[in-house]
Amino acid sequence: MTTAQYKVDLSIYSGPLDLLLYLIRRNELDILDLPVASITASFNEFLDVLELIDLDLVGDFILMASTLAEIKSRMVLPRAEEEEIAEVIDDPRSDLIQQLLEYKKFKDAANALEEHAAEWQEHYPRLSDERPKSGKDPSEDLIKEVELWDLVSA
């Protein structure tokens, strides 16, 4: 396949954390209990497509993929019992999960602000309480007495 066949809009993913958050939502995963193997596989699939498009954009995504691979390898390696107890306390996924939670918080706040701005775009402010003054006084317009034939002939 050539690069001309691929057309991907990268504006939907502003960075590797955005893509990672999307993959977690798409696969309906718990953000606090990441299955690193499936996320790494999905992330690498996207990375393959991204490399075909533009190598300059790939740097941050490669860093995230390598971080996921490092976490995966730490979780697979055999450990001594003492290390297991310490590892439970210091989960290798904890830093990534913390970053994801912070990113999600900011992204949700940005979306709320964007919705609020869009809502207020439809409102127009009241400029002043003063009404324009007309040239004549409305009490000067007197109603004339009119009969039905006057209306018909008019």
Protein backbone atom coordinates (compact mmCIF):
# COMPACT_ATOMS: atom_id res chain seq x y z
CA MET A 1 0.00 0.00 0.00
CA THR A 2 1.20 3.47 -0.73
CA THR A 3 0.81 6.56 1.39
CA ALA A 4 -1.58 8.02 -1.17
CA GLN A 5 -4.16 5.37 -0.25
CA TYR A 6 -4.28 6.41 3.39
CA LYS A 7 -6.04 9.55 4.46
CA VAL A 8 -6.33 9.90 8.22
CA ASP A 9 -7.42 13.04 10.03
CA LEU A 10 -5.00 13.40 12.95
CA SER A 11 -6.83 16.39 14.37
CA ILE A 12 -9.07 14.02 16.32
CA TYR A 13 -6.08 12.77 18.34
CA SER A 14 -4.10 15.62 19.82
CA GLY A 15 -1.50 13.28 21.29
CA PRO A 16 -0.75 9.79 22.50
CA LEU A 17 -2.77 10.20 25.70
CA ASP A 18 -5.78 11.20 23.62
CA LEU A 19 -5.41 8.07 21.49
CA LEU A 20 -4.90 5.92 24.58
CA LEU A 21 -8.04 7.37 26.18
CA TYR A 22 -9.96 6.69 22.95
CA LEU A 23 -8.77 3.06 22.85
CA ILE A 24 -9.82 2.58 26.48
CA ARG A 25 -13.29 3.97 25.74
CA ARG A 26 -13.67 2.02 22.50
CA ASN A 27 -12.80 -1.28 24.18
CA GLU A 28 -14.92 -0.34 27.22
CA LEU A 29 -12.04 -0.92 29.63
CA ASP A 30 -11.65 0.20 33.22
CA ILE A 31 -9.07 2.98 33.28
CA LEU A 32 -7.89 1.92 36.74
CA ASP A 33 -7.24 -1.68 35.66
CA LEU A 34 -5.61 -1.43 32.24
CA PRO A 35 -5.08 -4.68 30.33
CA VAL A 36 -1.75 -3.56 28.93
CA ALA A 37 -1.45 -6.34 26.32
CA SER A 38 -4.66 -5.47 24.43
CA ILE A 39 -4.06 -1.71 24.68
CA THR A 40 -0.48 -2.11 23.41
CA ALA A 41 -1.69 -4.18 20.44
CA SER A 42 -4.34 -1.59 19.51
CA PHE A 43 -1.86 1.23 19.99
CA ASN A 44 0.71 -0.47 17.75
CA GLU A 45 -1.92 -0.99 15.01
CA PHE A 46 -2.58 2.74 14.99
CA LEU A 47 1.15 3.43 15.07
CA ASP A 48 1.65 1.33 11.91
CA VAL A 49 -0.90 3.47 10.08
CA LEU A 50 0.63 6.65 11.46
CA GLU A 51 4.13 5.70 10.26
CA LEU A 52 2.78 5.42 6.73
CA ILE A 53 1.51 8.96 6.93
CA ASP A 54 4.20 11.14 8.47
CA LEU A 55 7.23 10.18 10.52
CA ASP A 56 7.48 13.63 12.08
CA LEU A 57 4.17 13.13 13.90
CA VAL A 58 5.08 9.72 15.29
CA GLY A 59 7.61 10.65 18.02
CA ASP A 60 5.20 11.05 20.95
CA PHE A 61 3.21 8.03 19.85
CA ILE A 62 6.35 5.86 19.72
CA LEU A 63 7.25 7.03 23.23
CA MET A 64 3.82 5.99 24.50
CA ALA A 65 4.07 2.62 22.72
CA SER A 66 7.48 2.00 24.30
CA THR A 67 6.09 2.97 27.72
CA LEU A 68 3.25 0.49 27.24
CA ALA A 69 5.73 -2.20 26.18
CA GLU A 70 7.89 -1.48 29.24
CA ILE A 71 4.89 -1.76 31.54
CA LYS A 72 3.85 -4.99 29.82
CA SER A 73 7.35 -6.48 30.23
CA ARG A 74 7.48 -5.49 33.93
CA MET A 75 4.18 -7.21 34.53
CA VAL A 76 5.26 -10.43 32.76
CA LEU A 77 8.70 -10.86 34.34
CA PRO A 78 8.89 -13.27 37.29
CA ARG A 79 9.41 -11.61 40.66
CA ALA A 80 10.45 -12.66 44.13
CA GLU A 81 7.79 -12.58 46.86
CA GLU A 82 9.23 -9.47 48.49
CA GLU A 83 9.28 -7.71 45.14
CA GLU A 84 5.67 -8.77 44.49
CA ILE A 85 4.51 -7.09 47.68
CA ALA A 86 6.43 -3.94 46.79
CA GLU A 87 5.17 -4.17 43.19
CA VAL A 88 1.55 -4.32 44.35
CA ILE A 89 2.15 -1.09 46.20
CA ASP A 90 4.08 0.42 43.25
CA ASP A 91 2.18 -0.83 40.19
CA PRO A 92 4.06 -0.01 36.95
CA ARG A 93 0.77 1.12 35.45
CA SER A 94 0.12 3.68 38.18
CA ASP A 95 2.05 6.55 36.54
CA LEU A 96 0.30 5.99 33.22
CA ILE A 97 -3.09 5.69 34.89
CA GLN A 98 -2.45 8.91 36.81
CA GLN A 99 -1.53 10.71 33.58
CA LEU A 100 -4.64 9.35 31.88
CA LEU A 101 -6.91 10.45 34.72
CA GLU A 102 -5.42 13.96 34.70
CA TYR A 103 -5.69 14.16 30.92
CA LYS A 104 -9.30 12.96 31.02
CA LYS A 105 -10.14 15.58 33.65
CA PHE A 106 -8.71 18.39 31.50
CA LYS A 107 -10.32 17.04 28.33
CA ASP A 108 -13.73 16.85 30.02
CA ALA A 109 -13.33 20.40 31.33
CA ALA A 110 -12.36 21.62 27.85
CA ASN A 111 -15.41 19.90 26.34
CA ALA A 112 -17.68 21.47 28.96
CA LEU A 113 -16.24 24.92 28.21
CA GLU A 114 -16.68 24.35 24.48
CA GLU A 115 -20.33 23.32 24.96
CA HIS A 116 -20.92 26.36 27.17
CA ALA A 117 -19.35 28.65 24.57
CA ALA A 118 -21.46 27.11 21.80
CA GLU A 119 -24.59 27.58 23.90
CA TRP A 120 -23.79 31.22 24.55
CA GLN A 121 -23.08 31.85 20.86
CA GLU A 122 -26.83 31.61 20.33
CA HIS A 123 -27.66 34.29 22.90
CA TYR A 124 -27.65 37.98 22.21
CA PRO A 125 -27.04 40.46 25.01
CA ARG A 126 -29.52 43.15 25.87
CA LEU A 127 -27.82 46.37 24.95
CA SER A 128 -29.81 48.89 27.00
CA ASP A 129 -33.11 49.42 28.73
CA GLU A 130 -33.82 52.64 26.91
CA ARG A 131 -36.27 52.50 24.06
CA PRO A 132 -36.00 54.81 21.10
CA LYS A 133 -38.09 57.91 21.50
CA SER A 134 -40.71 58.47 18.86
CA GLY A 135 -41.37 61.90 17.43
CA LYS A 136 -44.94 62.14 18.68
CA ASP A 137 -46.78 61.34 21.84
CA PRO A 138 -49.00 58.24 21.56
CA SER A 139 -51.75 59.96 23.55
CA GLU A 140 -52.20 62.40 20.65
CA ASP A 141 -53.49 59.65 18.37
CA LEU A 142 -57.20 59.63 19.11
CA ILE A 143 -59.42 56.88 17.87
CA LYS A 144 -62.22 58.12 15.67
CA GLU A 145 -65.65 56.69 15.89
CA VAL A 146 -66.25 54.56 12.83
CA GLU A 147 -69.26 52.69 11.58
CA LEU A 148 -69.32 49.44 9.65
CA TRP A 149 -70.06 51.14 6.31
CA ASP A 150 -67.04 53.37 6.75
CA LEU A 151 -64.86 50.31 7.06
CA VAL A 152 -66.43 48.59 4.04
CA SER A 153 -66.04 51.66 1.85
CA ALA A 154 -62.41 52.14 2.86
